[in-house]
N, C-alpha and C. Protein backbone atom coordinates (compact mmCIF):
# COMPACT_ATOMS: atom_id res chain seq x y z
N MET A 1 79.91 -80.24 -56.51
CA MET A 1 81.14 -81.01 -56.49
C MET A 1 81.10 -82.00 -55.34
N GLY A 2 81.72 -83.15 -55.56
CA GLY A 2 81.79 -84.17 -54.52
C GLY A 2 82.86 -83.86 -53.50
N GLN A 3 82.74 -84.51 -52.38
CA GLN A 3 83.72 -84.32 -51.31
C GLN A 3 85.03 -85.02 -51.69
N LYS A 4 86.15 -84.37 -51.40
CA LYS A 4 87.46 -84.93 -51.70
C LYS A 4 87.73 -86.11 -50.77
N ILE A 5 88.08 -87.25 -51.35
CA ILE A 5 88.41 -88.43 -50.56
C ILE A 5 89.90 -88.40 -50.25
N PRO A 6 90.24 -88.42 -48.95
CA PRO A 6 91.65 -88.33 -48.59
C PRO A 6 92.43 -89.55 -49.07
N LYS A 7 93.64 -89.30 -49.55
CA LYS A 7 94.55 -90.36 -49.96
C LYS A 7 95.14 -90.99 -48.71
N ARG A 8 95.22 -92.31 -48.67
CA ARG A 8 95.80 -93.01 -47.52
C ARG A 8 96.86 -93.97 -48.00
N ILE A 9 97.97 -94.04 -47.27
CA ILE A 9 99.02 -95.01 -47.55
C ILE A 9 99.19 -95.85 -46.30
N ILE A 10 99.00 -97.14 -46.47
CA ILE A 10 99.12 -98.08 -45.35
C ILE A 10 100.14 -99.14 -45.75
N LYS A 11 101.14 -99.32 -44.91
CA LYS A 11 102.17 -100.33 -45.14
C LYS A 11 102.37 -101.14 -43.87
N THR A 12 102.91 -102.33 -44.01
CA THR A 12 103.27 -103.12 -42.84
C THR A 12 104.55 -102.54 -42.23
N GLU A 13 104.84 -102.93 -41.01
CA GLU A 13 106.06 -102.44 -40.36
C GLU A 13 107.30 -102.89 -41.16
N SER A 14 107.28 -104.10 -41.71
CA SER A 14 108.44 -104.54 -42.49
C SER A 14 108.58 -103.73 -43.78
N GLU A 15 107.48 -103.32 -44.38
CA GLU A 15 107.55 -102.45 -45.57
C GLU A 15 108.13 -101.09 -45.22
N TRP A 16 107.73 -100.53 -44.05
CA TRP A 16 108.30 -99.25 -43.61
C TRP A 16 109.80 -99.40 -43.37
N ARG A 17 110.21 -100.51 -42.77
CA ARG A 17 111.64 -100.73 -42.48
C ARG A 17 112.46 -100.81 -43.77
N GLU A 18 111.86 -101.29 -44.84
CA GLU A 18 112.56 -101.38 -46.12
C GLU A 18 112.77 -100.01 -46.76
N THR A 19 111.90 -99.05 -46.48
CA THR A 19 111.97 -97.75 -47.16
C THR A 19 112.57 -96.64 -46.30
N LEU A 20 112.67 -96.83 -45.00
CA LEU A 20 113.17 -95.79 -44.10
C LEU A 20 114.48 -96.23 -43.47
N ASN A 21 115.36 -95.27 -43.20
CA ASN A 21 116.56 -95.62 -42.44
C ASN A 21 116.19 -95.75 -40.96
N ASP A 22 117.12 -96.19 -40.12
CA ASP A 22 116.82 -96.47 -38.72
C ASP A 22 116.27 -95.25 -37.98
N GLU A 23 116.89 -94.08 -38.20
CA GLU A 23 116.44 -92.87 -37.49
C GLU A 23 115.06 -92.43 -37.98
N GLN A 24 114.82 -92.48 -39.27
CA GLN A 24 113.50 -92.14 -39.81
C GLN A 24 112.44 -93.09 -39.25
N TYR A 25 112.75 -94.36 -39.20
CA TYR A 25 111.80 -95.34 -38.67
C TYR A 25 111.50 -95.06 -37.20
N GLU A 26 112.52 -94.83 -36.42
CA GLU A 26 112.34 -94.58 -34.98
C GLU A 26 111.45 -93.36 -34.74
N VAL A 27 111.71 -92.27 -35.45
CA VAL A 27 110.94 -91.05 -35.26
C VAL A 27 109.54 -91.18 -35.84
N CYS A 28 109.44 -91.58 -37.09
CA CYS A 28 108.16 -91.55 -37.80
C CYS A 28 107.21 -92.68 -37.44
N ARG A 29 107.73 -93.85 -37.14
CA ARG A 29 106.85 -94.99 -36.87
C ARG A 29 106.75 -95.30 -35.37
N ASN A 30 107.75 -94.89 -34.56
CA ASN A 30 107.74 -95.18 -33.12
C ASN A 30 107.60 -93.93 -32.26
N GLN A 31 107.22 -92.80 -32.84
CA GLN A 31 107.02 -91.54 -32.13
C GLN A 31 108.27 -91.09 -31.38
N GLY A 32 109.43 -91.31 -32.00
CA GLY A 32 110.68 -90.86 -31.40
C GLY A 32 110.92 -89.39 -31.70
N THR A 33 112.11 -88.92 -31.35
CA THR A 33 112.50 -87.55 -31.67
C THR A 33 114.00 -87.50 -31.91
N GLU A 34 114.41 -86.58 -32.76
CA GLU A 34 115.84 -86.40 -32.97
C GLU A 34 116.37 -85.43 -31.90
N ARG A 35 117.66 -85.47 -31.68
CA ARG A 35 118.26 -84.55 -30.70
C ARG A 35 118.06 -83.11 -31.16
N PRO A 36 117.80 -82.19 -30.23
CA PRO A 36 117.65 -80.79 -30.63
C PRO A 36 118.91 -80.25 -31.30
N PHE A 37 118.72 -79.38 -32.28
CA PHE A 37 119.78 -78.72 -33.04
C PHE A 37 120.63 -79.69 -33.87
N SER A 38 120.16 -80.92 -34.06
CA SER A 38 120.93 -81.90 -34.82
C SER A 38 120.36 -82.12 -36.22
N GLY A 39 119.16 -81.66 -36.49
CA GLY A 39 118.49 -81.96 -37.74
C GLY A 39 118.95 -81.15 -38.93
N GLU A 40 118.85 -81.75 -40.09
CA GLU A 40 119.29 -81.15 -41.35
C GLU A 40 118.57 -79.84 -41.66
N TYR A 41 117.31 -79.70 -41.26
CA TYR A 41 116.53 -78.53 -41.64
C TYR A 41 116.36 -77.50 -40.52
N THR A 42 117.00 -77.70 -39.38
CA THR A 42 116.84 -76.77 -38.26
C THR A 42 117.25 -75.36 -38.65
N GLN A 43 118.40 -75.21 -39.31
CA GLN A 43 118.89 -73.89 -39.71
C GLN A 43 118.76 -73.65 -41.21
N CYS A 44 118.01 -74.48 -41.89
CA CYS A 44 117.87 -74.38 -43.35
C CYS A 44 117.01 -73.18 -43.74
N ASN A 45 117.49 -72.41 -44.72
CA ASN A 45 116.74 -71.25 -45.21
C ASN A 45 116.38 -71.38 -46.69
N GLU A 46 116.53 -72.58 -47.24
CA GLU A 46 116.22 -72.81 -48.65
C GLU A 46 114.71 -72.69 -48.88
N GLN A 47 114.34 -72.20 -50.06
CA GLN A 47 112.94 -72.08 -50.43
C GLN A 47 112.45 -73.41 -51.01
N GLY A 48 111.23 -73.78 -50.66
CA GLY A 48 110.67 -75.01 -51.19
C GLY A 48 109.53 -75.52 -50.35
N ILE A 49 109.24 -76.79 -50.56
CA ILE A 49 108.14 -77.45 -49.88
C ILE A 49 108.71 -78.61 -49.06
N TYR A 50 108.34 -78.65 -47.80
CA TYR A 50 108.76 -79.72 -46.91
C TYR A 50 107.71 -80.82 -46.97
N CYS A 51 108.13 -82.00 -47.43
CA CYS A 51 107.24 -83.13 -47.64
C CYS A 51 107.50 -84.20 -46.58
N CYS A 52 106.51 -85.07 -46.37
CA CYS A 52 106.66 -86.21 -45.47
C CYS A 52 107.70 -87.16 -46.05
N VAL A 53 108.68 -87.55 -45.25
CA VAL A 53 109.73 -88.45 -45.72
C VAL A 53 109.18 -89.85 -46.00
N CYS A 54 108.08 -90.21 -45.37
CA CYS A 54 107.51 -91.54 -45.54
C CYS A 54 106.70 -91.69 -46.82
N CYS A 55 105.89 -90.68 -47.14
CA CYS A 55 104.96 -90.83 -48.27
C CYS A 55 105.09 -89.75 -49.33
N GLY A 56 105.86 -88.69 -49.07
CA GLY A 56 106.05 -87.63 -50.05
C GLY A 56 104.98 -86.57 -50.07
N GLU A 57 103.99 -86.65 -49.18
CA GLU A 57 102.91 -85.67 -49.14
C GLU A 57 103.47 -84.28 -48.80
N PRO A 58 103.14 -83.23 -49.56
CA PRO A 58 103.57 -81.87 -49.22
C PRO A 58 102.90 -81.43 -47.91
N LEU A 59 103.70 -80.96 -46.96
CA LEU A 59 103.17 -80.61 -45.64
C LEU A 59 103.31 -79.14 -45.28
N PHE A 60 104.53 -78.59 -45.42
CA PHE A 60 104.80 -77.23 -44.99
C PHE A 60 105.56 -76.49 -46.08
N GLY A 61 105.20 -75.23 -46.31
CA GLY A 61 105.94 -74.39 -47.23
C GLY A 61 107.01 -73.62 -46.49
N SER A 62 108.11 -73.32 -47.17
CA SER A 62 109.21 -72.60 -46.54
C SER A 62 108.79 -71.21 -46.06
N GLU A 63 107.74 -70.63 -46.66
CA GLU A 63 107.29 -69.30 -46.24
C GLU A 63 106.70 -69.32 -44.83
N SER A 64 106.30 -70.49 -44.33
CA SER A 64 105.76 -70.55 -42.96
C SER A 64 106.82 -71.00 -41.95
N LYS A 65 108.05 -71.23 -42.40
CA LYS A 65 109.13 -71.66 -41.50
C LYS A 65 109.72 -70.45 -40.78
N PHE A 66 110.02 -70.63 -39.52
CA PHE A 66 110.65 -69.55 -38.74
C PHE A 66 111.59 -70.15 -37.71
N ASP A 67 112.50 -69.34 -37.21
CA ASP A 67 113.47 -69.79 -36.21
C ASP A 67 112.90 -69.52 -34.83
N SER A 68 112.46 -70.58 -34.18
CA SER A 68 111.89 -70.44 -32.84
C SER A 68 112.95 -70.62 -31.75
N GLY A 69 114.13 -71.11 -32.14
CA GLY A 69 115.18 -71.35 -31.17
C GLY A 69 115.00 -72.63 -30.37
N CYS A 70 114.01 -73.44 -30.73
CA CYS A 70 113.70 -74.64 -29.95
C CYS A 70 114.59 -75.83 -30.28
N GLY A 71 115.30 -75.79 -31.43
CA GLY A 71 116.18 -76.89 -31.79
C GLY A 71 115.62 -77.79 -32.88
N TRP A 72 114.40 -77.53 -33.33
CA TRP A 72 113.78 -78.29 -34.41
C TRP A 72 113.19 -77.30 -35.40
N PRO A 73 113.03 -77.69 -36.66
CA PRO A 73 112.37 -76.79 -37.61
C PRO A 73 110.97 -76.43 -37.10
N SER A 74 110.62 -75.16 -37.22
CA SER A 74 109.32 -74.68 -36.75
C SER A 74 108.57 -74.02 -37.90
N PHE A 75 107.28 -74.28 -37.95
CA PHE A 75 106.40 -73.74 -38.99
C PHE A 75 105.17 -73.15 -38.31
N SER A 76 104.62 -72.09 -38.90
CA SER A 76 103.43 -71.46 -38.31
C SER A 76 102.14 -72.08 -38.80
N THR A 77 102.18 -72.79 -39.93
CA THR A 77 100.97 -73.40 -40.46
C THR A 77 101.32 -74.44 -41.51
N PRO A 78 100.53 -75.51 -41.61
CA PRO A 78 100.73 -76.44 -42.72
C PRO A 78 100.23 -75.83 -44.02
N MET A 79 100.62 -76.40 -45.14
CA MET A 79 100.17 -75.87 -46.43
C MET A 79 98.65 -75.96 -46.55
N GLU A 80 98.08 -77.07 -46.13
CA GLU A 80 96.63 -77.28 -46.10
C GLU A 80 96.29 -77.88 -44.75
N SER A 81 95.19 -77.47 -44.17
CA SER A 81 94.85 -77.92 -42.82
C SER A 81 94.61 -79.42 -42.74
N ASP A 82 94.21 -80.05 -43.85
CA ASP A 82 93.93 -81.49 -43.79
C ASP A 82 95.16 -82.36 -44.06
N GLN A 83 96.32 -81.76 -44.27
CA GLN A 83 97.53 -82.54 -44.54
C GLN A 83 98.18 -83.09 -43.28
N VAL A 84 97.88 -82.48 -42.15
CA VAL A 84 98.36 -83.00 -40.87
C VAL A 84 97.18 -83.18 -39.93
N THR A 85 97.34 -84.14 -39.04
CA THR A 85 96.32 -84.45 -38.05
C THR A 85 96.95 -84.27 -36.68
N GLU A 86 96.17 -83.81 -35.74
CA GLU A 86 96.66 -83.66 -34.37
C GLU A 86 95.96 -84.67 -33.48
N ARG A 87 96.70 -85.20 -32.52
CA ARG A 87 96.09 -86.08 -31.52
C ARG A 87 96.79 -85.86 -30.19
N ASN A 88 96.08 -86.14 -29.12
CA ASN A 88 96.63 -85.94 -27.78
C ASN A 88 97.79 -86.89 -27.53
N ASP A 89 98.84 -86.35 -26.91
CA ASP A 89 100.03 -87.12 -26.54
C ASP A 89 100.30 -86.83 -25.08
N MET A 90 100.16 -87.84 -24.24
CA MET A 90 100.38 -87.66 -22.81
C MET A 90 101.60 -88.43 -22.34
N SER A 91 102.55 -88.67 -23.25
CA SER A 91 103.78 -89.37 -22.90
C SER A 91 104.74 -88.43 -22.16
N HIS A 92 105.71 -89.01 -21.50
CA HIS A 92 106.77 -88.26 -20.81
C HIS A 92 106.22 -87.28 -19.77
N SER A 93 105.10 -87.63 -19.15
CA SER A 93 104.47 -86.81 -18.09
C SER A 93 104.12 -85.41 -18.56
N MET A 94 103.77 -85.27 -19.85
CA MET A 94 103.38 -83.99 -20.42
C MET A 94 102.07 -84.17 -21.19
N ILE A 95 101.36 -83.08 -21.37
CA ILE A 95 100.19 -83.08 -22.24
C ILE A 95 100.53 -82.22 -23.44
N ARG A 96 100.57 -82.85 -24.62
CA ARG A 96 100.94 -82.15 -25.84
C ARG A 96 100.02 -82.58 -26.97
N LYS A 97 100.12 -81.88 -28.09
CA LYS A 97 99.40 -82.25 -29.31
C LYS A 97 100.43 -82.80 -30.30
N GLU A 98 100.33 -84.08 -30.58
CA GLU A 98 101.19 -84.72 -31.57
C GLU A 98 100.69 -84.35 -32.96
N VAL A 99 101.62 -84.16 -33.88
CA VAL A 99 101.29 -83.87 -35.28
C VAL A 99 101.70 -85.09 -36.10
N ILE A 100 100.74 -85.60 -36.87
CA ILE A 100 101.01 -86.74 -37.73
C ILE A 100 100.59 -86.42 -39.17
N CYS A 101 101.21 -87.10 -40.11
CA CYS A 101 100.85 -86.97 -41.52
C CYS A 101 99.49 -87.62 -41.72
N SER A 102 98.57 -86.91 -42.33
CA SER A 102 97.22 -87.44 -42.56
C SER A 102 97.20 -88.55 -43.61
N THR A 103 98.23 -88.64 -44.43
CA THR A 103 98.26 -89.64 -45.49
C THR A 103 98.79 -90.98 -45.00
N CYS A 104 99.86 -90.97 -44.17
CA CYS A 104 100.50 -92.23 -43.79
C CYS A 104 100.64 -92.43 -42.28
N ASP A 105 100.13 -91.51 -41.48
CA ASP A 105 100.19 -91.59 -40.01
C ASP A 105 101.61 -91.50 -39.45
N ALA A 106 102.54 -90.93 -40.19
CA ALA A 106 103.90 -90.74 -39.68
C ALA A 106 103.89 -89.70 -38.56
N HIS A 107 104.60 -89.99 -37.50
CA HIS A 107 104.81 -89.00 -36.44
C HIS A 107 105.75 -87.94 -36.99
N LEU A 108 105.33 -86.67 -36.90
CA LEU A 108 106.14 -85.56 -37.40
C LEU A 108 106.76 -84.76 -36.27
N GLY A 109 106.02 -84.55 -35.21
CA GLY A 109 106.46 -83.72 -34.09
C GLY A 109 105.27 -83.33 -33.25
N HIS A 110 105.27 -82.07 -32.78
CA HIS A 110 104.20 -81.56 -31.92
C HIS A 110 103.86 -80.13 -32.31
N VAL A 111 102.67 -79.68 -31.93
CA VAL A 111 102.26 -78.30 -32.17
C VAL A 111 101.99 -77.63 -30.83
N PHE A 112 102.44 -76.38 -30.73
CA PHE A 112 102.30 -75.60 -29.50
C PHE A 112 101.66 -74.26 -29.84
N ASP A 113 101.08 -73.61 -28.85
CA ASP A 113 100.37 -72.34 -29.09
C ASP A 113 101.23 -71.12 -28.72
N ASP A 114 102.53 -71.21 -28.96
CA ASP A 114 103.43 -70.09 -28.65
C ASP A 114 104.16 -69.57 -29.89
N GLY A 115 103.52 -69.71 -31.06
CA GLY A 115 104.12 -69.28 -32.31
C GLY A 115 103.77 -67.84 -32.65
N PRO A 116 104.23 -67.38 -33.82
CA PRO A 116 104.00 -65.99 -34.24
C PRO A 116 102.57 -65.78 -34.76
N ALA A 117 102.17 -64.52 -34.80
CA ALA A 117 100.89 -64.14 -35.41
C ALA A 117 100.97 -64.43 -36.90
N PRO A 118 99.93 -64.69 -37.60
CA PRO A 118 98.57 -64.62 -37.11
C PRO A 118 98.07 -65.93 -36.49
N THR A 119 98.75 -67.07 -36.73
CA THR A 119 98.22 -68.35 -36.22
C THR A 119 98.52 -68.56 -34.74
N LYS A 120 99.63 -67.99 -34.28
CA LYS A 120 100.12 -68.19 -32.91
C LYS A 120 100.44 -69.66 -32.64
N LEU A 121 100.69 -70.42 -33.71
CA LEU A 121 101.04 -71.82 -33.59
C LEU A 121 102.50 -72.04 -33.96
N ARG A 122 103.10 -73.04 -33.31
CA ARG A 122 104.47 -73.45 -33.62
C ARG A 122 104.44 -74.96 -33.85
N TYR A 123 104.49 -75.33 -35.12
CA TYR A 123 104.61 -76.74 -35.47
C TYR A 123 106.08 -77.10 -35.36
N CYS A 124 106.43 -77.83 -34.33
CA CYS A 124 107.81 -78.21 -34.02
C CYS A 124 108.01 -79.61 -34.62
N ILE A 125 108.73 -79.67 -35.74
CA ILE A 125 108.77 -80.87 -36.56
C ILE A 125 110.19 -81.43 -36.65
N ASN A 126 110.32 -82.74 -36.53
CA ASN A 126 111.62 -83.40 -36.67
C ASN A 126 112.11 -83.30 -38.11
N SER A 127 113.35 -82.86 -38.30
CA SER A 127 113.95 -82.80 -39.63
C SER A 127 113.89 -84.15 -40.33
N VAL A 128 114.17 -85.20 -39.58
CA VAL A 128 114.24 -86.54 -40.16
C VAL A 128 112.90 -87.01 -40.71
N ALA A 129 111.81 -86.36 -40.32
CA ALA A 129 110.47 -86.70 -40.82
C ALA A 129 110.15 -85.95 -42.11
N LEU A 130 111.05 -85.09 -42.55
CA LEU A 130 110.80 -84.22 -43.70
C LEU A 130 111.80 -84.46 -44.83
N LYS A 131 111.38 -84.09 -46.03
CA LYS A 131 112.26 -84.06 -47.20
C LYS A 131 111.94 -82.77 -47.95
N LEU A 132 112.92 -81.90 -48.10
CA LEU A 132 112.72 -80.61 -48.75
C LEU A 132 112.78 -80.76 -50.27
N GLN A 133 111.74 -80.29 -50.94
CA GLN A 133 111.75 -80.16 -52.40
C GLN A 133 112.06 -78.70 -52.68
N GLU A 134 113.28 -78.41 -53.09
CA GLU A 134 113.69 -77.04 -53.31
C GLU A 134 113.03 -76.47 -54.55
N GLU A 135 112.75 -75.16 -54.50
CA GLU A 135 112.13 -74.47 -55.64
C GLU A 135 113.18 -74.03 -56.62
């Protein structure tokens, strides 16, 4: 079998502005963040798949969501390891791992190594970067 070629979505900044609201644009395209405990999915317990708000790519399943108390939706693992990409983020005088959508490069949040077993990871993701497809 051949190697799977990753799907990529590339748009101009004006095209992103046409499809995203101001808060989505600020978070996803400018590496912003929503206020803690303000997001639609922070306390959400609905079953489904959390997709990228920019491109619709499925990113996290509700079975990996947990309440970390941090103020943002937290997940222990993405649905597939190649659906998100990590890169170093040294902004705000901190060293962190930024999480971005592998399909459209949307900023999603950050990943930390203080999550539950077995991964011990906490993907701390902005609600505004997600769209829940309920089951």
